[in-house]
């Protein structure tokens, strides 16, 4: 699951950042996500990262809540 973070930035500075990132074919969101990953690797101890990875690998895929609502299979007529 992903969560959002809100950051207050001066409007003129934000416009300049977005303009120059666009010239580099990227976005502020993409750059901040990369930085968050780097920060995670720098700040969170390796054993904790390993544990989180292990736990996220163990989560089963979610099943539809109401399988009956899925499109019924067509039966062949004889």
PDB file of N, CA and C in Angstrom:
ATOM      1  N   UNK A   1       0.842  -1.162   0.000  1.00  0.00           N
ATOM      2  CA  UNK A   1       0.000   0.000   0.000  1.00  0.00           C
ATOM      3  C   UNK A   1       0.895   1.235   0.000  1.00  0.00           C
ATOM      4  N   UNK A   2       0.491   2.221  -0.762  1.00  0.00           N
ATOM      5  CA  UNK A   2       1.237   3.471  -0.796  1.00  0.00           C
ATOM      6  C   UNK A   2       0.436   4.539  -0.075  1.00  0.00           C
ATOM      7  N   UNK A   3       1.166   5.453   0.544  1.00  0.00           N
ATOM      8  CA  UNK A   3       0.550   6.584   1.223  1.00  0.00           C
ATOM      9  C   UNK A   3       1.096   7.867   0.625  1.00  0.00           C
ATOM     10  N   UNK A   4       0.371   8.946   0.795  1.00  0.00           N
ATOM     11  CA  UNK A   4       0.778  10.247   0.267  1.00  0.00           C
ATOM     12  C   UNK A   4       1.423  11.087   1.360  1.00  0.00           C
ATOM     13  N   UNK A   5       2.307  11.972   0.927  1.00  0.00           N
ATOM     14  CA  UNK A   5       2.966  12.916   1.816  1.00  0.00           C
ATOM     15  C   UNK A   5       2.740  14.301   1.222  1.00  0.00           C
ATOM     16  N   UNK A   6       2.407  15.261   2.066  1.00  0.00           N
ATOM     17  CA  UNK A   6       2.200  16.630   1.606  1.00  0.00           C
ATOM     18  C   UNK A   6       3.369  17.492   2.041  1.00  0.00           C
ATOM     19  N   UNK A   7       3.878  18.281   1.104  1.00  0.00           N
ATOM     20  CA  UNK A   7       4.999  19.170   1.377  1.00  0.00           C
ATOM     21  C   UNK A   7       4.614  20.564   0.897  1.00  0.00           C
ATOM     22  N   UNK A   8       4.869  21.566   1.720  1.00  0.00           N
ATOM     23  CA  UNK A   8       4.613  22.951   1.323  1.00  0.00           C
ATOM     24  C   UNK A   8       5.851  23.523   0.655  1.00  0.00           C
ATOM     25  N   UNK A   9       5.657  24.095  -0.548  1.00  0.00           N
ATOM     26  CA  UNK A   9       6.760  24.656  -1.317  1.00  0.00           C
ATOM     27  C   UNK A   9       6.315  26.015  -1.853  1.00  0.00           C
ATOM     28  N   UNK A  10       7.228  26.954  -1.847  1.00  0.00           N
ATOM     29  CA  UNK A  10       6.966  28.268  -2.420  1.00  0.00           C
ATOM     30  C   UNK A  10       6.474  28.100  -3.856  1.00  0.00           C
ATOM     31  N   UNK A  11       5.401  28.805  -4.205  1.00  0.00           N
ATOM     32  CA  UNK A  11       4.761  28.638  -5.509  1.00  0.00           C
ATOM     33  C   UNK A  11       5.708  28.914  -6.683  1.00  0.00           C
ATOM     34  N   UNK A  12       6.507  29.963  -6.593  1.00  0.00           N
ATOM     35  CA  UNK A  12       7.434  30.300  -7.679  1.00  0.00           C
ATOM     36  C   UNK A  12       8.518  29.227  -7.817  1.00  0.00           C
ATOM     37  N   UNK A  13       9.019  28.749  -6.689  1.00  0.00           N
ATOM     38  CA  UNK A  13      10.047  27.707  -6.731  1.00  0.00           C
ATOM     39  C   UNK A  13       9.466  26.421  -7.313  1.00  0.00           C
ATOM     40  N   UNK A  14       8.246  26.098  -6.940  1.00  0.00           N
ATOM     41  CA  UNK A  14       7.597  24.888  -7.459  1.00  0.00           C
ATOM     42  C   UNK A  14       7.413  24.987  -8.964  1.00  0.00           C
ATOM     43  N   UNK A  15       6.983  26.132  -9.445  1.00  0.00           N
ATOM     44  CA  UNK A  15       6.818  26.322 -10.892  1.00  0.00           C
ATOM     45  C   UNK A  15       8.139  26.145 -11.622  1.00  0.00           C
ATOM     46  N   UNK A  16       9.224  26.695 -11.062  1.00  0.00           N
ATOM     47  CA  UNK A  16      10.546  26.562 -11.684  1.00  0.00           C
ATOM     48  C   UNK A  16      10.996  25.103 -11.690  1.00  0.00           C
ATOM     49  N   UNK A  17      10.807  24.411 -10.573  1.00  0.00           N
ATOM     50  CA  UNK A  17      11.176  22.992 -10.498  1.00  0.00           C
ATOM     51  C   UNK A  17      10.431  22.198 -11.557  1.00  0.00           C
ATOM     52  N   UNK A  18       9.124  22.393 -11.631  1.00  0.00           N
ATOM     53  CA  UNK A  18       8.309  21.639 -12.600  1.00  0.00           C
ATOM     54  C   UNK A  18       8.721  21.952 -14.029  1.00  0.00           C
ATOM     55  N   UNK A  19       9.031  23.226 -14.319  1.00  0.00           N
ATOM     56  CA  UNK A  19       9.427  23.610 -15.671  1.00  0.00           C
ATOM     57  C   UNK A  19      10.732  22.913 -16.075  1.00  0.00           C
ATOM     58  N   UNK A  20      11.723  22.920 -15.202  1.00  0.00           N
ATOM     59  CA  UNK A  20      13.010  22.321 -15.554  1.00  0.00           C
ATOM     60  C   UNK A  20      12.965  20.792 -15.536  1.00  0.00           C
ATOM     61  N   UNK A  21      12.140  20.219 -14.691  1.00  0.00           N
ATOM     62  CA  UNK A  21      11.987  18.758 -14.712  1.00  0.00           C
ATOM     63  C   UNK A  21      11.299  18.315 -15.998  1.00  0.00           C
ATOM     64  N   UNK A  22      10.348  19.118 -16.473  1.00  0.00           N
ATOM     65  CA  UNK A  22       9.668  18.792 -17.735  1.00  0.00           C
ATOM     66  C   UNK A  22      10.662  18.759 -18.887  1.00  0.00           C
ATOM     67  N   UNK A  23      11.637  19.672 -18.872  1.00  0.00           N
ATOM     68  CA  UNK A  23      12.665  19.681 -19.916  1.00  0.00           C
ATOM     69  C   UNK A  23      13.507  18.408 -19.878  1.00  0.00           C
ATOM     70  N   UNK A  24      13.574  17.790 -18.704  1.00  0.00           N
ATOM     71  CA  UNK A  24      14.323  16.538 -18.555  1.00  0.00           C
ATOM     72  C   UNK A  24      13.402  15.322 -18.670  1.00  0.00           C
ATOM     73  N   UNK A  25      12.176  15.557 -19.141  1.00  0.00           N
ATOM     74  CA  UNK A  25      11.183  14.494 -19.337  1.00  0.00           C
ATOM     75  C   UNK A  25      10.910  13.695 -18.068  1.00  0.00           C
ATOM     76  N   UNK A  26      10.757  14.402 -16.957  1.00  0.00           N
ATOM     77  CA  UNK A  26      10.411  13.743 -15.702  1.00  0.00           C
ATOM     78  C   UNK A  26       9.452  14.649 -14.939  1.00  0.00           C
ATOM     79  N   UNK A  27       9.000  14.179 -13.803  1.00  0.00           N
ATOM     80  CA  UNK A  27       8.053  14.950 -12.999  1.00  0.00           C
ATOM     81  C   UNK A  27       8.564  15.050 -11.570  1.00  0.00           C
ATOM     82  N   UNK A  28       7.998  15.976 -10.840  1.00  0.00           N
ATOM     83  CA  UNK A  28       8.352  16.125  -9.433  1.00  0.00           C
ATOM     84  C   UNK A  28       7.991  14.857  -8.672  1.00  0.00           C
ATOM     85  N   UNK A  29       6.840  14.296  -8.955  1.00  0.00           N
ATOM     86  CA  UNK A  29       6.418  13.072  -8.261  1.00  0.00           C
ATOM     87  C   UNK A  29       7.421  11.942  -8.497  1.00  0.00           C
ATOM     88  N   UNK A  30       7.885  11.780  -9.725  1.00  0.00           N
ATOM     89  CA  UNK A  30       8.851  10.720 -10.043  1.00  0.00           C
ATOM     90  C   UNK A  30      10.163  10.947  -9.306  1.00  0.00           C
ATOM     91  N   UNK A  31      10.625  12.187  -9.286  1.00  0.00           N
ATOM     92  CA  UNK A  31      11.885  12.496  -8.614  1.00  0.00           C
ATOM     93  C   UNK A  31      11.760  12.318  -7.100  1.00  0.00           C
ATOM     94  N   UNK A  32      10.643  12.731  -6.539  1.00  0.00           N
ATOM     95  CA  UNK A  32      10.454  12.565  -5.099  1.00  0.00           C
ATOM     96  C   UNK A  32      10.342  11.091  -4.713  1.00  0.00           C
ATOM     97  N   UNK A  33       9.725  10.295  -5.573  1.00  0.00           N
ATOM     98  CA  UNK A  33       9.633   8.864  -5.304  1.00  0.00           C
ATOM     99  C   UNK A  33      11.023   8.219  -5.311  1.00  0.00           C
ATOM    100  N   UNK A  34      11.867   8.621  -6.266  1.00  0.00           N
ATOM    101  CA  UNK A  34      13.249   8.116  -6.295  1.00  0.00           C
ATOM    102  C   UNK A  34      13.991   8.520  -5.029  1.00  0.00           C
ATOM    103  N   UNK A  35      13.830   9.769  -4.631  1.00  0.00           N
ATOM    104  CA  UNK A  35      14.516  10.243  -3.433  1.00  0.00           C
ATOM    105  C   UNK A  35      14.019   9.517  -2.187  1.00  0.00           C
ATOM    106  N   UNK A  36      12.715   9.277  -2.110  1.00  0.00           N
ATOM    107  CA  UNK A  36      12.158   8.552  -0.960  1.00  0.00           C
ATOM    108  C   UNK A  36      12.758   7.146  -0.889  1.00  0.00           C
ATOM    109  N   UNK A  37      12.935   6.486  -2.039  1.00  0.00           N
ATOM    110  CA  UNK A  37      13.561   5.164  -2.058  1.00  0.00           C
ATOM    111  C   UNK A  37      15.011   5.228  -1.589  1.00  0.00           C
ATOM    112  N   UNK A  38      15.740   6.264  -2.031  1.00  0.00           N
ATOM    113  CA  UNK A  38      17.130   6.444  -1.595  1.00  0.00           C
ATOM    114  C   UNK A  38      17.201   6.704  -0.095  1.00  0.00           C
ATOM    115  N   UNK A  39      16.302   7.542   0.395  1.00  0.00           N
ATOM    116  CA  UNK A  39      16.264   7.872   1.815  1.00  0.00           C
ATOM    117  C   UNK A  39      15.930   6.639   2.646  1.00  0.00           C
ATOM    118  N   UNK A  40      15.005   5.838   2.164  1.00  0.00           N
ATOM    119  CA  UNK A  40      14.632   4.586   2.828  1.00  0.00           C
ATOM    120  C   UNK A  40      15.860   3.686   2.961  1.00  0.00           C
ATOM    121  N   UNK A  41      16.615   3.536   1.867  1.00  0.00           N
ATOM    122  CA  UNK A  41      17.812   2.707   1.894  1.00  0.00           C
ATOM    123  C   UNK A  41      18.898   3.253   2.813  1.00  0.00           C
ATOM    124  N   UNK A  42      18.955   4.559   2.951  1.00  0.00           N
ATOM    125  CA  UNK A  42      19.974   5.189   3.775  1.00  0.00           C
ATOM    126  C   UNK A  42      19.616   5.151   5.262  1.00  0.00           C
ATOM    127  N   UNK A  43      18.352   5.332   5.596  1.00  0.00           N
ATOM    128  CA  UNK A  43      17.928   5.519   6.983  1.00  0.00           C
ATOM    129  C   UNK A  43      17.463   4.225   7.655  1.00  0.00           C
ATOM    130  N   UNK A  44      16.756   3.385   6.929  1.00  0.00           N
ATOM    131  CA  UNK A  44      16.191   2.163   7.521  1.00  0.00           C
ATOM    132  C   UNK A  44      17.249   1.060   7.521  1.00  0.00           C
ATOM    133  N   UNK A  45      17.519   0.454   8.671  1.00  0.00           N
ATOM    134  CA  UNK A  45      18.526  -0.613   8.737  1.00  0.00           C
ATOM    135  C   UNK A  45      18.200  -1.785   7.802  1.00  0.00           C
ATOM    136  N   UNK A  46      19.242  -2.424   7.293  1.00  0.00           N
ATOM    137  CA  UNK A  46      19.090  -3.513   6.336  1.00  0.00           C
ATOM    138  C   UNK A  46      18.191  -4.627   6.866  1.00  0.00           C
ATOM    139  N   UNK A  47      18.347  -5.000   8.141  1.00  0.00           N
ATOM    140  CA  UNK A  47      17.531  -6.096   8.668  1.00  0.00           C
ATOM    141  C   UNK A  47      16.047  -5.733   8.681  1.00  0.00           C
ATOM    142  N   UNK A  48      15.732  -4.463   8.890  1.00  0.00           N
ATOM    143  CA  UNK A  48      14.337  -4.020   8.858  1.00  0.00           C
ATOM    144  C   UNK A  48      13.812  -4.041   7.423  1.00  0.00           C
ATOM    145  N   UNK A  49      14.636  -3.585   6.472  1.00  0.00           N
ATOM    146  CA  UNK A  49      14.228  -3.639   5.054  1.00  0.00           C
ATOM    147  C   UNK A  49      14.001  -5.069   4.608  1.00  0.00           C
ATOM    148  N   UNK A  50      14.877  -5.988   5.046  1.00  0.00           N
ATOM    149  CA  UNK A  50      14.711  -7.405   4.710  1.00  0.00           C
ATOM    150  C   UNK A  50      13.397  -7.951   5.273  1.00  0.00           C
ATOM    151  N   UNK A  51      13.087  -7.585   6.512  1.00  0.00           N
ATOM    152  CA  UNK A  51      11.853  -8.040   7.143  1.00  0.00           C
ATOM    153  C   UNK A  51      10.632  -7.509   6.382  1.00  0.00           C
ATOM    154  N   UNK A  52      10.655  -6.235   6.034  1.00  0.00           N
ATOM    155  CA  UNK A  52       9.534  -5.648   5.293  1.00  0.00           C
ATOM    156  C   UNK A  52       9.376  -6.331   3.939  1.00  0.00           C
ATOM    157  N   UNK A  53      10.488  -6.585   3.253  1.00  0.00           N
ATOM    158  CA  UNK A  53      10.433  -7.298   1.968  1.00  0.00           C
ATOM    159  C   UNK A  53       9.847  -8.690   2.135  1.00  0.00           C
ATOM    160  N   UNK A  54      10.276  -9.384   3.176  1.00  0.00           N
ATOM    161  CA  UNK A  54       9.783 -10.736   3.433  1.00  0.00           C
ATOM    162  C   UNK A  54       8.272 -10.709   3.691  1.00  0.00           C
ATOM    163  N   UNK A  55       7.812  -9.755   4.483  1.00  0.00           N
ATOM    164  CA  UNK A  55       6.392  -9.668   4.799  1.00  0.00           C
ATOM    165  C   UNK A  55       5.566  -9.282   3.578  1.00  0.00           C
ATOM    166  N   UNK A  56       6.080  -8.411   2.739  1.00  0.00           N
ATOM    167  CA  UNK A  56       5.311  -8.008   1.559  1.00  0.00           C
ATOM    168  C   UNK A  56       5.253  -9.127   0.533  1.00  0.00           C
ATOM    169  N   UNK A  57       6.256 -10.016   0.508  1.00  0.00           N
ATOM    170  CA  UNK A  57       6.236 -11.164  -0.399  1.00  0.00           C
ATOM    171  C   UNK A  57       5.238 -12.221   0.045  1.00  0.00           C
ATOM    172  N   UNK A  58       4.928 -12.271   1.331  1.00  0.00           N
ATOM    173  CA  UNK A  58       4.037 -13.293   1.869  1.00  0.00           C
ATOM    174  C   UNK A  58       2.566 -12.953   1.702  1.00  0.00           C
ATOM    175  N   UNK A  59       2.236 -11.706   1.411  1.00  0.00           N
ATOM    176  CA  UNK A  59       0.835 -11.311   1.299  1.00  0.00           C
ATOM    177  C   UNK A  59       0.215 -11.974   0.078  1.00  0.00           C
ATOM    178  N   UNK A  60      -0.885 -12.706   0.279  1.00  0.00           N
ATOM    179  CA  UNK A  60      -1.542 -13.345  -0.860  1.00  0.00           C
ATOM    180  C   UNK A  60      -2.256 -12.296  -1.720  1.00  0.00           C
ATOM    181  N   UNK A  61      -2.419 -12.631  -2.976  1.00  0.00           N
ATOM    182  CA  UNK A  61      -3.150 -11.733  -3.871  1.00  0.00           C
ATOM    183  C   UNK A  61      -4.602 -11.664  -3.405  1.00  0.00           C
ATOM    184  N   UNK A  62      -5.165 -10.485  -3.528  1.00  0.00           N
ATOM    185  CA  UNK A  62      -6.553 -10.313  -3.091  1.00  0.00           C
ATOM    186  C   UNK A  62      -7.494 -10.988  -4.081  1.00  0.00           C
ATOM    187  N   UNK A  63      -8.479 -11.652  -3.533  1.00  0.00           N
ATOM    188  CA  UNK A  63      -9.493 -12.288  -4.358  1.00  0.00           C
ATOM    189  C   UNK A  63     -10.678 -11.336  -4.468  1.00  0.00           C
ATOM    190  N   UNK A  64     -11.442 -11.439  -5.537  1.00  0.00           N
ATOM    191  CA  UNK A  64     -12.634 -10.600  -5.638  1.00  0.00           C
ATOM    192  C   UNK A  64     -13.584 -10.899  -4.484  1.00  0.00           C
ATOM    193  N   UNK A  65     -14.225  -9.859  -3.973  1.00  0.00           N
ATOM    194  CA  UNK A  65     -15.111 -10.034  -2.831  1.00  0.00           C
ATOM    195  C   UNK A  65     -16.335 -10.867  -3.184  1.00  0.00           C
ATOM    196  N   UNK A  66     -16.837 -10.719  -4.391  1.00  0.00           N
ATOM    197  CA  UNK A  66     -18.048 -11.432  -4.783  1.00  0.00           C
ATOM    198  C   UNK A  66     -17.796 -12.171  -6.090  1.00  0.00           C
ATOM    199  N   UNK A  67     -17.282 -13.395  -6.010  1.00  0.00           N
ATOM    200  CA  UNK A  67     -16.986 -14.127  -7.248  1.00  0.00           C
ATOM    201  C   UNK A  67     -18.231 -14.404  -8.079  1.00  0.00           C
ATOM    202  N   UNK A  68     -19.400 -14.400  -7.459  1.00  0.00           N
ATOM    203  CA  UNK A  68     -20.641 -14.659  -8.185  1.00  0.00           C
ATOM    204  C   UNK A  68     -20.946 -13.525  -9.165  1.00  0.00           C
ATOM    205  N   UNK A  69     -20.407 -12.352  -8.905  1.00  0.00           N
ATOM    206  CA  UNK A  69     -20.670 -11.217  -9.787  1.00  0.00           C
ATOM    207  C   UNK A  69     -19.822 -11.276 -11.053  1.00  0.00           C
ATOM    208  N   UNK A  70     -18.851 -12.180 -11.094  1.00  0.00           N
ATOM    209  CA  UNK A  70     -18.028 -12.338 -12.292  1.00  0.00           C
ATOM    210  C   UNK A  70     -18.897 -12.871 -13.417  1.00  0.00           C
ATOM    211  N   UNK A  71     -18.487 -12.602 -14.635  1.00  0.00           N
ATOM    212  CA  UNK A  71     -19.263 -13.038 -15.792  1.00  0.00           C
ATOM    213  C   UNK A  71     -19.380 -14.556 -15.802  1.00  0.00           C
ATOM    214  N   UNK A  72     -20.593 -15.090 -15.889  1.00  0.00           N
ATOM    215  CA  UNK A  72     -20.766 -16.552 -15.865  1.00  0.00           C
ATOM    216  C   UNK A  72     -20.170 -17.183 -17.115  1.00  0.00           C
ATOM    217  N   UNK A  73     -19.690 -18.403 -16.943  1.00  0.00           N
ATOM    218  CA  UNK A  73     -19.132 -19.132 -18.077  1.00  0.00           C
ATOM    219  C   UNK A  73     -20.251 -19.559 -19.003  1.00  0.00           C
ATOM    220  N   UNK A  74     -19.960 -19.525 -20.295  1.00  0.00           N
ATOM    221  CA  UNK A  74     -20.961 -19.943 -21.276  1.00  0.00           C
ATOM    222  C   UNK A  74     -20.977 -21.456 -21.331  1.00  0.00           C
ATOM    223  N   UNK A  75     -22.175 -22.012 -21.314  1.00  0.00           N
ATOM    224  CA  UNK A  75     -22.322 -23.460 -21.417  1.00  0.00           C
ATOM    225  C   UNK A  75     -22.686 -23.806 -22.851  1.00  0.00           C
ATOM    226  N   UNK A  76     -22.077 -24.879 -23.341  1.00  0.00           N
ATOM    227  CA  UNK A  76     -22.394 -25.278 -24.719  1.00  0.00           C
ATOM    228  C   UNK A  76     -23.727 -25.991 -24.747  1.00  0.00           C
ATOM    229  N   UNK A  77     -24.497 -25.682 -25.791  1.00  0.00           N
ATOM    230  CA  UNK A  77     -25.818 -26.323 -25.940  1.00  0.00           C
ATOM    231  C   UNK A  77     -25.633 -27.603 -26.731  1.00  0.00           C
ATOM    232  N   UNK A  78     -26.365 -28.632 -26.349  1.00  0.00           N
ATOM    233  CA  UNK A  78     -26.244 -29.917 -27.071  1.00  0.00           C
ATOM    234  C   UNK A  78     -27.465 -30.206 -27.871  1.00  0.00           C
TER     235      UNK A  78
END
